[in-house]
Amino acid sequence: MSSQSDLTARARIREAAIALFAEKGMAATTIRDIAQAAGVSSGLLRHHFGSKEGLRDACDEYALNQITALGIQFTETNLLGRITPEIMRLQQYAIRSVMDGSPSALAMFDKALAYGEHWLERSDLEVADPQAYLAVISVMKMSMFVMRDLLSHALGESVDEPAGWARVISASIEIFSQPLVPPDLAEQARKALAEFTASQQKEQP
């Protein structure tokens, strides 16, 4: 088998694994399932990736790199124009991987947070607790994937399809582009939280 054929088979295996992992989850997907979907033997899969965990690590790295590249280009291109089935599948895979709770998934989430730190440093945003800010906003964005069945029900169309997902992105832009809490109420909430935190610290032995 030529080196080019090896690369093609490797890519086929990776794409099949991403699709199955995103649909069924890592635990429910077998090496045989992936090999059959990719049209290769289980032996060839092991030759390229060693094990299902090795394949999963390769999928994690590929998905994160692709999604990160999309994020970097956010201010340079029309994001809605980049909503494709491939990008959506990668996003769904990434969320499934993180929700799986394995060390690989945790490392993937940490990488995403590290990318968020670089983004925050380049932005004009001023936040009191960058670590909490990035963690909360990341989980909020993840919830749109985790709860996509409810979103599809509410919108009356599947958010797994580009048209439905475009509505979700459009709503997200509206939510994040305008304050939901008036400045005076936000300041009152900050003061109340500060007082609560101070009282908790005093009660600690």
N, C-alpha and C. Protein backbone atom coordinates (compact mmCIF):
# COMPACT_ATOMS: atom_id res chain seq x y z
N MET A 1 0.85 -1.20 0.00
CA MET A 1 0.00 0.00 0.00
C MET A 1 0.89 1.25 0.00
N SER A 2 0.56 2.21 -0.84
CA SER A 2 1.38 3.41 -0.95
C SER A 2 1.16 4.32 0.24
N SER A 3 2.10 5.28 0.41
CA SER A 3 1.97 6.22 1.53
C SER A 3 0.73 7.07 1.36
N GLN A 4 0.40 7.45 0.10
CA GLN A 4 -0.79 8.26 -0.14
C GLN A 4 -2.05 7.48 0.24
N SER A 5 -2.06 6.18 -0.06
CA SER A 5 -3.20 5.35 0.31
C SER A 5 -3.32 5.25 1.82
N ASP A 6 -2.16 5.17 2.50
CA ASP A 6 -2.16 5.14 3.96
C ASP A 6 -2.82 6.40 4.51
N LEU A 7 -2.45 7.56 3.96
CA LEU A 7 -3.02 8.82 4.43
C LEU A 7 -4.52 8.87 4.17
N THR A 8 -4.94 8.39 3.01
CA THR A 8 -6.36 8.39 2.68
C THR A 8 -7.13 7.47 3.64
N ALA A 9 -6.58 6.29 3.91
CA ALA A 9 -7.24 5.36 4.83
C ALA A 9 -7.29 5.95 6.22
N ARG A 10 -6.21 6.58 6.66
CA ARG A 10 -6.17 7.20 7.98
C ARG A 10 -7.24 8.27 8.11
N ALA A 11 -7.38 9.10 7.08
CA ALA A 11 -8.39 10.15 7.11
C ALA A 11 -9.79 9.56 7.11
N ARG A 12 -10.02 8.49 6.34
CA ARG A 12 -11.33 7.84 6.30
C ARG A 12 -11.69 7.29 7.67
N ILE A 13 -10.73 6.66 8.31
CA ILE A 13 -10.97 6.10 9.64
C ILE A 13 -11.31 7.21 10.62
N ARG A 14 -10.54 8.30 10.57
CA ARG A 14 -10.78 9.42 11.48
C ARG A 14 -12.16 10.02 11.27
N GLU A 15 -12.56 10.22 10.02
CA GLU A 15 -13.87 10.81 9.74
C GLU A 15 -15.00 9.89 10.19
N ALA A 16 -14.83 8.58 9.97
CA ALA A 16 -15.85 7.63 10.40
C ALA A 16 -15.96 7.63 11.92
N ALA A 17 -14.81 7.70 12.60
CA ALA A 17 -14.82 7.70 14.06
C ALA A 17 -15.49 8.95 14.60
N ILE A 18 -15.20 10.10 14.02
CA ILE A 18 -15.81 11.35 14.48
C ILE A 18 -17.32 11.28 14.34
N ALA A 19 -17.80 10.78 13.20
CA ALA A 19 -19.24 10.69 12.97
C ALA A 19 -19.90 9.74 13.97
N LEU A 20 -19.30 8.59 14.21
CA LEU A 20 -19.88 7.60 15.11
C LEU A 20 -19.78 8.04 16.57
N PHE A 21 -18.61 8.60 16.94
CA PHE A 21 -18.45 9.08 18.31
C PHE A 21 -19.47 10.18 18.61
N ALA A 22 -19.67 11.08 17.64
CA ALA A 22 -20.63 12.18 17.85
C ALA A 22 -22.05 11.66 17.98
N GLU A 23 -22.38 10.60 17.23
CA GLU A 23 -23.74 10.07 17.22
C GLU A 23 -24.02 9.15 18.41
N LYS A 24 -23.08 8.24 18.69
CA LYS A 24 -23.33 7.18 19.66
C LYS A 24 -22.56 7.34 20.97
N GLY A 25 -21.52 8.16 20.95
CA GLY A 25 -20.66 8.26 22.11
C GLY A 25 -19.49 7.31 22.00
N MET A 26 -18.44 7.57 22.77
CA MET A 26 -17.22 6.78 22.68
C MET A 26 -17.42 5.36 23.20
N ALA A 27 -18.08 5.23 24.35
CA ALA A 27 -18.22 3.91 24.97
C ALA A 27 -19.04 2.96 24.10
N ALA A 28 -20.06 3.48 23.41
CA ALA A 28 -20.97 2.63 22.64
C ALA A 28 -20.44 2.32 21.24
N THR A 29 -19.34 2.93 20.85
CA THR A 29 -18.78 2.72 19.52
C THR A 29 -17.61 1.75 19.60
N THR A 30 -17.62 0.71 18.78
CA THR A 30 -16.55 -0.28 18.79
C THR A 30 -15.59 -0.06 17.63
N ILE A 31 -14.41 -0.65 17.76
CA ILE A 31 -13.43 -0.59 16.67
C ILE A 31 -14.03 -1.20 15.40
N ARG A 32 -14.78 -2.28 15.57
CA ARG A 32 -15.40 -2.92 14.41
C ARG A 32 -16.39 -1.97 13.74
N ASP A 33 -17.18 -1.23 14.53
CA ASP A 33 -18.12 -0.25 13.96
C ASP A 33 -17.39 0.77 13.09
N ILE A 34 -16.29 1.28 13.63
CA ILE A 34 -15.54 2.32 12.93
C ILE A 34 -14.91 1.76 11.66
N ALA A 35 -14.29 0.59 11.78
CA ALA A 35 -13.64 -0.02 10.62
C ALA A 35 -14.65 -0.29 9.51
N GLN A 36 -15.83 -0.79 9.90
CA GLN A 36 -16.87 -1.07 8.90
C GLN A 36 -17.34 0.21 8.22
N ALA A 37 -17.54 1.26 9.00
CA ALA A 37 -17.99 2.54 8.43
C ALA A 37 -16.93 3.14 7.51
N ALA A 38 -15.65 2.92 7.83
CA ALA A 38 -14.56 3.48 7.03
C ALA A 38 -14.20 2.59 5.85
N GLY A 39 -14.74 1.37 5.83
CA GLY A 39 -14.44 0.44 4.74
C GLY A 39 -13.04 -0.13 4.81
N VAL A 40 -12.55 -0.34 6.04
CA VAL A 40 -11.21 -0.91 6.23
C VAL A 40 -11.30 -2.05 7.24
N SER A 41 -10.20 -2.74 7.43
CA SER A 41 -10.17 -3.81 8.41
C SER A 41 -9.83 -3.26 9.79
N SER A 42 -10.22 -4.00 10.83
CA SER A 42 -9.87 -3.60 12.19
C SER A 42 -8.36 -3.57 12.36
N GLY A 43 -7.67 -4.47 11.66
CA GLY A 43 -6.21 -4.51 11.73
C GLY A 43 -5.58 -3.24 11.19
N LEU A 44 -6.15 -2.70 10.08
CA LEU A 44 -5.60 -1.47 9.53
C LEU A 44 -5.85 -0.30 10.47
N LEU A 45 -7.01 -0.30 11.12
CA LEU A 45 -7.29 0.76 12.10
C LEU A 45 -6.26 0.73 13.21
N ARG A 46 -5.97 -0.46 13.73
CA ARG A 46 -4.97 -0.56 14.79
C ARG A 46 -3.58 -0.20 14.29
N HIS A 47 -3.30 -0.49 13.02
CA HIS A 47 -2.01 -0.13 12.43
C HIS A 47 -1.81 1.38 12.46
N HIS A 48 -2.85 2.12 12.16
CA HIS A 48 -2.75 3.58 12.10
C HIS A 48 -2.83 4.24 13.47
N PHE A 49 -3.67 3.72 14.36
CA PHE A 49 -3.95 4.43 15.62
C PHE A 49 -3.65 3.62 16.89
N GLY A 50 -3.35 2.34 16.74
CA GLY A 50 -2.97 1.54 17.89
C GLY A 50 -4.16 0.99 18.66
N SER A 51 -5.11 1.82 19.02
CA SER A 51 -6.26 1.42 19.82
C SER A 51 -7.38 2.44 19.62
N LYS A 52 -8.54 2.14 20.21
CA LYS A 52 -9.65 3.09 20.12
C LYS A 52 -9.30 4.38 20.86
N GLU A 53 -8.57 4.26 21.97
CA GLU A 53 -8.17 5.45 22.71
C GLU A 53 -7.20 6.30 21.89
N GLY A 54 -6.28 5.62 21.19
CA GLY A 54 -5.36 6.36 20.33
C GLY A 54 -6.09 7.07 19.21
N LEU A 55 -7.10 6.41 18.65
CA LEU A 55 -7.92 7.02 17.60
C LEU A 55 -8.70 8.19 18.17
N ARG A 56 -9.23 8.01 19.36
CA ARG A 56 -9.99 9.09 19.99
C ARG A 56 -9.10 10.31 20.22
N ASP A 57 -7.85 10.09 20.65
CA ASP A 57 -6.92 11.21 20.85
C ASP A 57 -6.68 11.95 19.54
N ALA A 58 -6.54 11.20 18.46
CA ALA A 58 -6.31 11.81 17.14
C ALA A 58 -7.54 12.61 16.71
N CYS A 59 -8.72 12.08 16.99
CA CYS A 59 -9.96 12.80 16.66
C CYS A 59 -10.08 14.07 17.48
N ASP A 60 -9.75 13.98 18.77
CA ASP A 60 -9.79 15.16 19.64
C ASP A 60 -8.90 16.27 19.08
N GLU A 61 -7.67 15.90 18.74
CA GLU A 61 -6.71 16.90 18.24
C GLU A 61 -7.20 17.52 16.94
N TYR A 62 -7.69 16.69 16.04
CA TYR A 62 -8.17 17.19 14.75
C TYR A 62 -9.37 18.12 14.93
N ALA A 63 -10.34 17.69 15.75
CA ALA A 63 -11.54 18.51 15.95
C ALA A 63 -11.20 19.84 16.58
N LEU A 64 -10.35 19.83 17.60
CA LEU A 64 -10.00 21.08 18.28
C LEU A 64 -9.26 22.02 17.35
N ASN A 65 -8.34 21.47 16.54
CA ASN A 65 -7.59 22.31 15.60
C ASN A 65 -8.52 22.95 14.58
N GLN A 66 -9.48 22.18 14.07
CA GLN A 66 -10.40 22.71 13.08
C GLN A 66 -11.32 23.78 13.69
N ILE A 67 -11.85 23.51 14.87
CA ILE A 67 -12.75 24.46 15.52
C ILE A 67 -12.00 25.73 15.93
N THR A 68 -10.76 25.55 16.42
CA THR A 68 -9.95 26.71 16.78
C THR A 68 -9.66 27.58 15.57
N ALA A 69 -9.36 26.94 14.44
CA ALA A 69 -9.11 27.70 13.21
C ALA A 69 -10.34 28.51 12.82
N LEU A 70 -11.52 27.95 12.98
CA LEU A 70 -12.76 28.68 12.69
C LEU A 70 -12.91 29.86 13.63
N GLY A 71 -12.56 29.66 14.90
CA GLY A 71 -12.66 30.74 15.87
C GLY A 71 -11.72 31.87 15.55
N ILE A 72 -10.50 31.55 15.12
CA ILE A 72 -9.52 32.57 14.79
C ILE A 72 -10.01 33.42 13.62
N GLN A 73 -10.75 32.81 12.69
CA GLN A 73 -11.22 33.52 11.50
C GLN A 73 -12.57 34.20 11.73
N PHE A 74 -13.08 34.15 12.95
CA PHE A 74 -14.42 34.68 13.21
C PHE A 74 -14.56 36.13 12.80
N THR A 75 -13.55 36.97 13.11
CA THR A 75 -13.66 38.38 12.80
C THR A 75 -13.28 38.68 11.35
N GLU A 76 -12.79 37.67 10.63
CA GLU A 76 -12.32 37.90 9.26
C GLU A 76 -13.30 37.42 8.20
N THR A 77 -14.21 36.53 8.59
CA THR A 77 -15.13 35.95 7.62
C THR A 77 -16.54 35.96 8.18
N ASN A 78 -17.48 35.65 7.31
CA ASN A 78 -18.88 35.56 7.71
C ASN A 78 -19.11 34.21 8.37
N LEU A 79 -19.30 34.18 9.69
CA LEU A 79 -19.45 32.93 10.42
C LEU A 79 -20.63 32.13 9.90
N LEU A 80 -21.75 32.80 9.65
CA LEU A 80 -22.93 32.08 9.20
C LEU A 80 -22.67 31.39 7.87
N GLY A 81 -21.81 31.97 7.05
CA GLY A 81 -21.47 31.35 5.78
C GLY A 81 -20.62 30.11 5.93
N ARG A 82 -20.09 29.90 7.14
CA ARG A 82 -19.23 28.74 7.39
C ARG A 82 -19.98 27.63 8.13
N ILE A 83 -21.28 27.74 8.29
CA ILE A 83 -22.04 26.68 8.93
C ILE A 83 -22.25 25.57 7.91
N THR A 84 -21.47 24.54 8.01
CA THR A 84 -21.55 23.40 7.11
C THR A 84 -21.78 22.14 7.93
N PRO A 85 -22.31 21.09 7.30
CA PRO A 85 -22.49 19.82 8.03
C PRO A 85 -21.18 19.33 8.66
N GLU A 86 -20.06 19.55 7.97
CA GLU A 86 -18.77 19.09 8.51
C GLU A 86 -18.42 19.84 9.80
N ILE A 87 -18.55 21.17 9.78
CA ILE A 87 -18.25 21.96 10.98
C ILE A 87 -19.19 21.59 12.12
N MET A 88 -20.47 21.40 11.82
CA MET A 88 -21.43 21.06 12.84
C MET A 88 -21.11 19.69 13.44
N ARG A 89 -20.68 18.75 12.60
CA ARG A 89 -20.32 17.42 13.10
C ARG A 89 -19.11 17.50 14.02
N LEU A 90 -18.13 18.33 13.66
CA LEU A 90 -16.96 18.50 14.50
C LEU A 90 -17.33 19.12 15.84
N GLN A 91 -18.22 20.10 15.82
CA GLN A 91 -18.66 20.73 17.07
C GLN A 91 -19.40 19.73 17.95
N GLN A 92 -20.28 18.94 17.34
CA GLN A 92 -21.02 17.94 18.10
C GLN A 92 -20.06 16.90 18.68
N TYR A 93 -19.06 16.52 17.89
CA TYR A 93 -18.07 15.56 18.38
C TYR A 93 -17.33 16.14 19.58
N ALA A 94 -16.90 17.40 19.46
CA ALA A 94 -16.12 18.02 20.54
C ALA A 94 -16.92 18.05 21.84
N ILE A 95 -18.20 18.41 21.76
CA ILE A 95 -19.03 18.46 22.96
C ILE A 95 -19.22 17.07 23.54
N ARG A 96 -19.47 16.09 22.68
CA ARG A 96 -19.64 14.71 23.15
C ARG A 96 -18.36 14.24 23.85
N SER A 97 -17.22 14.61 23.29
CA SER A 97 -15.94 14.20 23.87
C SER A 97 -15.75 14.82 25.25
N VAL A 98 -16.06 16.10 25.36
CA VAL A 98 -15.91 16.77 26.65
C VAL A 98 -16.89 16.19 27.69
N MET A 99 -18.12 15.94 27.28
CA MET A 99 -19.12 15.40 28.20
C MET A 99 -18.79 13.97 28.62
N ASP A 100 -17.96 13.29 27.85
CA ASP A 100 -17.57 11.91 28.17
C ASP A 100 -16.81 11.84 29.48
N GLY A 101 -16.11 12.92 29.83
CA GLY A 101 -15.45 12.99 31.12
C GLY A 101 -14.15 12.25 31.25
N SER A 102 -13.56 11.79 30.16
CA SER A 102 -12.30 11.08 30.23
C SER A 102 -11.14 12.06 30.33
N PRO A 103 -9.94 11.59 30.69
CA PRO A 103 -8.77 12.49 30.74
C PRO A 103 -8.53 13.21 29.41
N SER A 104 -8.75 12.50 28.30
CA SER A 104 -8.56 13.13 26.99
C SER A 104 -9.55 14.27 26.79
N ALA A 105 -10.80 14.04 27.23
CA ALA A 105 -11.82 15.08 27.08
C ALA A 105 -11.50 16.28 27.95
N LEU A 106 -11.02 16.03 29.18
CA LEU A 106 -10.67 17.13 30.07
C LEU A 106 -9.52 17.95 29.49
N ALA A 107 -8.55 17.24 28.91
CA ALA A 107 -7.43 17.94 28.27
C ALA A 107 -7.91 18.78 27.10
N MET A 108 -8.89 18.27 26.38
CA MET A 108 -9.45 19.01 25.25
C MET A 108 -10.15 20.28 25.73
N PHE A 109 -10.90 20.16 26.82
CA PHE A 109 -11.58 21.32 27.38
C PHE A 109 -10.57 22.36 27.87
N ASP A 110 -9.49 21.89 28.50
CA ASP A 110 -8.44 22.80 28.96
C ASP A 110 -7.80 23.55 27.79
N LYS A 111 -7.62 22.85 26.67
CA LYS A 111 -7.06 23.51 25.48
C LYS A 111 -8.00 24.59 24.98
N ALA A 112 -9.30 24.29 25.02
CA ALA A 112 -10.29 25.27 24.59
C ALA A 112 -10.27 26.50 25.50
N LEU A 113 -10.12 26.28 26.80
CA LEU A 113 -10.03 27.40 27.74
C LEU A 113 -8.76 28.21 27.50
N ALA A 114 -7.67 27.52 27.19
CA ALA A 114 -6.41 28.22 26.91
C ALA A 114 -6.56 29.10 25.68
N TYR A 115 -7.27 28.61 24.66
CA TYR A 115 -7.54 29.43 23.48
C TYR A 115 -8.39 30.64 23.88
N GLY A 116 -9.36 30.40 24.78
CA GLY A 116 -10.20 31.50 25.26
C GLY A 116 -9.41 32.56 25.99
N GLU A 117 -8.39 32.15 26.73
CA GLU A 117 -7.54 33.11 27.44
C GLU A 117 -6.83 34.03 26.45
N HIS A 118 -6.31 33.44 25.38
CA HIS A 118 -5.64 34.26 24.35
C HIS A 118 -6.63 35.22 23.70
N TRP A 119 -7.83 34.73 23.44
CA TRP A 119 -8.86 35.59 22.84
C TRP A 119 -9.20 36.74 23.78
N LEU A 120 -9.35 36.44 25.08
CA LEU A 120 -9.73 37.47 26.04
C LEU A 120 -8.62 38.52 26.17
N GLU A 121 -7.37 38.08 26.12
CA GLU A 121 -6.25 39.01 26.22
C GLU A 121 -6.22 39.98 25.04
N ARG A 122 -6.68 39.52 23.88
CA ARG A 122 -6.66 40.38 22.68
C ARG A 122 -7.90 41.26 22.58
N SER A 123 -8.90 40.98 23.42
CA SER A 123 -10.15 41.74 23.35
C SER A 123 -10.08 42.98 24.24
N ASP A 124 -11.11 43.80 24.16
CA ASP A 124 -11.21 45.00 24.99
C ASP A 124 -12.07 44.76 26.23
N LEU A 125 -12.45 43.52 26.46
CA LEU A 125 -13.32 43.22 27.60
C LEU A 125 -12.56 43.33 28.92
N GLU A 126 -13.25 43.85 29.92
CA GLU A 126 -12.69 43.92 31.26
C GLU A 126 -13.56 43.07 32.18
N VAL A 127 -13.00 42.00 32.71
CA VAL A 127 -13.76 41.09 33.58
C VAL A 127 -13.00 40.93 34.89
N ALA A 128 -13.77 40.80 35.98
CA ALA A 128 -13.16 40.72 37.30
C ALA A 128 -12.49 39.37 37.55
N ASP A 129 -13.06 38.31 36.99
CA ASP A 129 -12.55 36.96 37.21
C ASP A 129 -12.47 36.25 35.86
N PRO A 130 -11.37 36.43 35.13
CA PRO A 130 -11.25 35.83 33.78
C PRO A 130 -11.45 34.33 33.77
N GLN A 131 -10.93 33.63 34.78
CA GLN A 131 -11.05 32.18 34.82
C GLN A 131 -12.52 31.75 34.89
N ALA A 132 -13.29 32.37 35.78
CA ALA A 132 -14.71 32.05 35.91
C ALA A 132 -15.47 32.49 34.66
N TYR A 133 -15.13 33.65 34.12
CA TYR A 133 -15.81 34.18 32.93
C TYR A 133 -15.70 33.19 31.78
N LEU A 134 -14.47 32.71 31.52
CA LEU A 134 -14.25 31.80 30.40
C LEU A 134 -14.91 30.44 30.64
N ALA A 135 -14.84 29.97 31.88
CA ALA A 135 -15.44 28.68 32.19
C ALA A 135 -16.96 28.72 32.00
N VAL A 136 -17.59 29.79 32.51
CA VAL A 136 -19.05 29.90 32.42
C VAL A 136 -19.50 30.08 30.98
N ILE A 137 -18.83 30.94 30.23
CA ILE A 137 -19.26 31.18 28.85
C ILE A 137 -19.03 29.95 27.99
N SER A 138 -17.98 29.18 28.29
CA SER A 138 -17.72 27.95 27.54
C SER A 138 -18.82 26.92 27.79
N VAL A 139 -19.20 26.76 29.04
CA VAL A 139 -20.25 25.79 29.38
C VAL A 139 -21.60 26.25 28.83
N MET A 140 -21.85 27.56 28.85
CA MET A 140 -23.10 28.07 28.29
C MET A 140 -23.19 27.75 26.80
N LYS A 141 -22.08 27.93 26.08
CA LYS A 141 -22.07 27.63 24.65
C LYS A 141 -22.22 26.13 24.41
N MET A 142 -21.59 25.33 25.27
CA MET A 142 -21.71 23.88 25.14
C MET A 142 -23.15 23.42 25.31
N SER A 143 -23.89 24.10 26.18
CA SER A 143 -25.26 23.68 26.47
C SER A 143 -26.14 23.73 25.23
N MET A 144 -25.81 24.58 24.27
CA MET A 144 -26.61 24.66 23.05
C MET A 144 -26.52 23.36 22.26
N PHE A 145 -25.39 22.65 22.41
CA PHE A 145 -25.24 21.36 21.74
C PHE A 145 -25.86 20.25 22.57
N VAL A 146 -25.62 20.29 23.87
CA VAL A 146 -26.14 19.25 24.75
C VAL A 146 -27.67 19.23 24.73
N MET A 147 -28.28 20.41 24.65
CA MET A 147 -29.74 20.51 24.69
C MET A 147 -30.33 20.73 23.31
N ARG A 148 -29.67 20.24 22.28
CA ARG A 148 -30.13 20.53 20.92
C ARG A 148 -31.49 19.90 20.60
N ASP A 149 -31.84 18.80 21.29
CA ASP A 149 -33.16 18.21 21.06
C ASP A 149 -34.27 19.16 21.52
N LEU A 150 -34.05 19.82 22.66
CA LEU A 150 -35.03 20.79 23.13
C LEU A 150 -35.08 22.01 22.23
N LEU A 151 -33.91 22.44 21.73
CA LEU A 151 -33.89 23.57 20.80
C LEU A 151 -34.67 23.23 19.53
N SER A 152 -34.46 22.02 19.01
CA SER A 152 -35.17 21.61 17.80
C SER A 152 -36.68 21.60 18.05
N HIS A 153 -37.08 21.12 19.22
CA HIS A 153 -38.50 21.09 19.56
C HIS A 153 -39.08 22.50 19.62
N ALA A 154 -38.34 23.42 20.26
CA ALA A 154 -38.84 24.78 20.42
C ALA A 154 -38.90 25.53 19.09
N LEU A 155 -37.92 25.29 18.21
CA LEU A 155 -37.86 26.01 16.93
C LEU A 155 -38.70 25.36 15.84
N GLY A 156 -39.08 24.12 16.05
CA GLY A 156 -39.89 23.45 15.04
C GLY A 156 -39.09 22.97 13.86
N GLU A 157 -37.79 22.92 13.99
CA GLU A 157 -36.92 22.38 12.95
C GLU A 157 -35.61 21.92 13.59
N SER A 158 -34.95 20.99 12.93
CA SER A 158 -33.74 20.40 13.50
C SER A 158 -32.58 21.38 13.51
N VAL A 159 -31.96 21.54 14.67
CA VAL A 159 -30.78 22.39 14.75
C VAL A 159 -29.53 21.62 14.36
N ASP A 160 -29.69 20.33 14.00
CA ASP A 160 -28.58 19.58 13.44
C ASP A 160 -28.37 19.92 11.96
N GLU A 161 -29.33 20.64 11.40
CA GLU A 161 -29.23 21.09 10.00
C GLU A 161 -28.78 22.55 9.98
N PRO A 162 -28.03 22.95 8.93
CA PRO A 162 -27.52 24.33 8.86
C PRO A 162 -28.57 25.41 9.05
N ALA A 163 -29.76 25.24 8.47
CA ALA A 163 -30.79 26.27 8.58
C ALA A 163 -31.24 26.45 10.02
N GLY A 164 -31.46 25.35 10.72
CA GLY A 164 -31.88 25.44 12.11
C GLY A 164 -30.77 25.99 13.00
N TRP A 165 -29.54 25.56 12.74
CA TRP A 165 -28.42 26.03 13.55
C TRP A 165 -28.16 27.52 13.31
N ALA A 166 -28.43 28.00 12.10
CA ALA A 166 -28.27 29.42 11.80
C ALA A 166 -29.20 30.25 12.68
N ARG A 167 -30.40 29.75 12.97
CA ARG A 167 -31.32 30.46 13.85
C ARG A 167 -30.76 30.52 15.27
N VAL A 168 -30.13 29.43 15.70
CA VAL A 168 -29.53 29.41 17.04
C VAL A 168 -28.39 30.42 17.12
N ILE A 169 -27.52 30.44 16.10
CA ILE A 169 -26.40 31.39 16.08
C ILE A 169 -26.91 32.82 16.06
N SER A 170 -27.96 33.07 15.26
CA SER A 170 -28.52 34.41 15.17
C SER A 170 -29.05 34.87 16.53
N ALA A 171 -29.76 33.98 17.24
CA ALA A 171 -30.26 34.32 18.56
C ALA A 171 -29.10 34.56 19.54
N SER A 172 -28.05 33.75 19.42
CA SER A 172 -26.88 33.91 20.29
C SER A 172 -26.23 35.27 20.09
N ILE A 173 -26.14 35.70 18.85
CA ILE A 173 -25.55 37.00 18.55
C ILE A 173 -26.37 38.11 19.21
N GLU A 174 -27.69 37.99 19.11
CA GLU A 174 -28.55 39.00 19.74
C GLU A 174 -28.37 39.01 21.26
N ILE A 175 -28.26 37.82 21.85
CA ILE A 175 -28.11 37.73 23.30
C ILE A 175 -26.80 38.34 23.76
N PHE A 176 -25.70 38.01 23.07
CA PHE A 176 -24.39 38.46 23.51
C PHE A 176 -24.05 39.88 23.06
N SER A 177 -24.85 40.45 22.17
CA SER A 177 -24.52 41.79 21.66
C SER A 177 -25.23 42.91 22.40
N GLN A 178 -26.09 42.57 23.36
CA GLN A 178 -26.79 43.61 24.11
C GLN A 178 -26.96 43.16 25.56
N PRO A 179 -26.82 44.09 26.49
CA PRO A 179 -26.92 43.73 27.91
C PRO A 179 -28.34 43.33 28.28
N LEU A 180 -28.45 42.26 29.07
CA LEU A 180 -29.75 41.80 29.55
C LEU A 180 -30.08 42.40 30.91
N VAL A 181 -29.05 42.89 31.61
CA VAL A 181 -29.24 43.48 32.94
C VAL A 181 -28.84 44.95 32.89
N PRO A 182 -29.71 45.87 33.29
CA PRO A 182 -29.36 47.30 33.30
C PRO A 182 -28.14 47.54 34.20
N PRO A 183 -27.31 48.54 33.85
CA PRO A 183 -26.08 48.80 34.62
C PRO A 183 -26.30 48.98 36.11
N ASP A 184 -27.40 49.66 36.51
CA ASP A 184 -27.61 49.89 37.94
C ASP A 184 -27.92 48.59 38.67
N LEU A 185 -28.71 47.71 38.04
CA LEU A 185 -29.01 46.43 38.67
C LEU A 185 -27.78 45.53 38.70
N ALA A 186 -26.96 45.62 37.67
CA ALA A 186 -25.73 44.84 37.64
C ALA A 186 -24.80 45.26 38.78
N GLU A 187 -24.73 46.56 39.02
CA GLU A 187 -23.87 47.04 40.10
C GLU A 187 -24.42 46.60 41.46
N GLN A 188 -25.73 46.65 41.63
CA GLN A 188 -26.33 46.17 42.87
C GLN A 188 -26.02 44.69 43.09
N ALA A 189 -26.10 43.90 42.02
CA ALA A 189 -25.82 42.47 42.12
C ALA A 189 -24.36 42.22 42.50
N ARG A 190 -23.45 43.02 41.91
CA ARG A 190 -22.03 42.87 42.24
C ARG A 190 -21.77 43.18 43.71
N LYS A 191 -22.39 44.24 44.21
CA LYS A 191 -22.21 44.60 45.62
C LYS A 191 -22.76 43.52 46.53
N ALA A 192 -23.92 42.98 46.18
CA ALA A 192 -24.53 41.93 47.00
C ALA A 192 -23.64 40.69 47.01
N LEU A 193 -23.07 40.35 45.86
CA LEU A 193 -22.18 39.20 45.79
C LEU A 193 -20.91 39.43 46.59
N ALA A 194 -20.39 40.65 46.54
CA ALA A 194 -19.19 40.97 47.30
C ALA A 194 -19.45 40.84 48.79
N GLU A 195 -20.61 41.33 49.24
CA GLU A 195 -20.97 41.23 50.65
C GLU A 195 -21.15 39.76 51.06
N PHE A 196 -21.77 38.98 50.19
CA PHE A 196 -21.97 37.57 50.48
C PHE A 196 -20.62 36.85 50.60
N THR A 197 -19.72 37.13 49.65
CA THR A 197 -18.40 36.49 49.67
C THR A 197 -17.64 36.85 50.93
N ALA A 198 -17.71 38.12 51.30
CA ALA A 198 -17.03 38.57 52.52
C ALA A 198 -17.58 37.89 53.76
N SER A 199 -18.91 37.72 53.82
CA SER A 199 -19.52 37.08 54.98
C SER A 199 -19.14 35.61 55.06
N GLN A 200 -19.02 34.97 53.90
CA GLN A 200 -18.63 33.55 53.88
C GLN A 200 -17.19 33.38 54.35
N GLN A 201 -16.34 34.31 53.96
CA GLN A 201 -14.93 34.24 54.38
C GLN A 201 -14.79 34.43 55.89
N LYS A 202 -15.63 35.28 56.47
CA LYS A 202 -15.58 35.50 57.92
C LYS A 202 -16.02 34.27 58.69
N GLU A 203 -16.94 33.49 58.10
CA GLU A 203 -17.47 32.32 58.78
C GLU A 203 -16.53 31.12 58.71
N GLN A 204 -15.58 31.18 57.81
CA GLN A 204 -14.64 30.06 57.68
C GLN A 204 -13.70 30.02 58.88
N PRO A 205 -13.42 28.81 59.41
CA PRO A 205 -12.54 28.70 60.59
C PRO A 205 -11.09 29.07 60.24
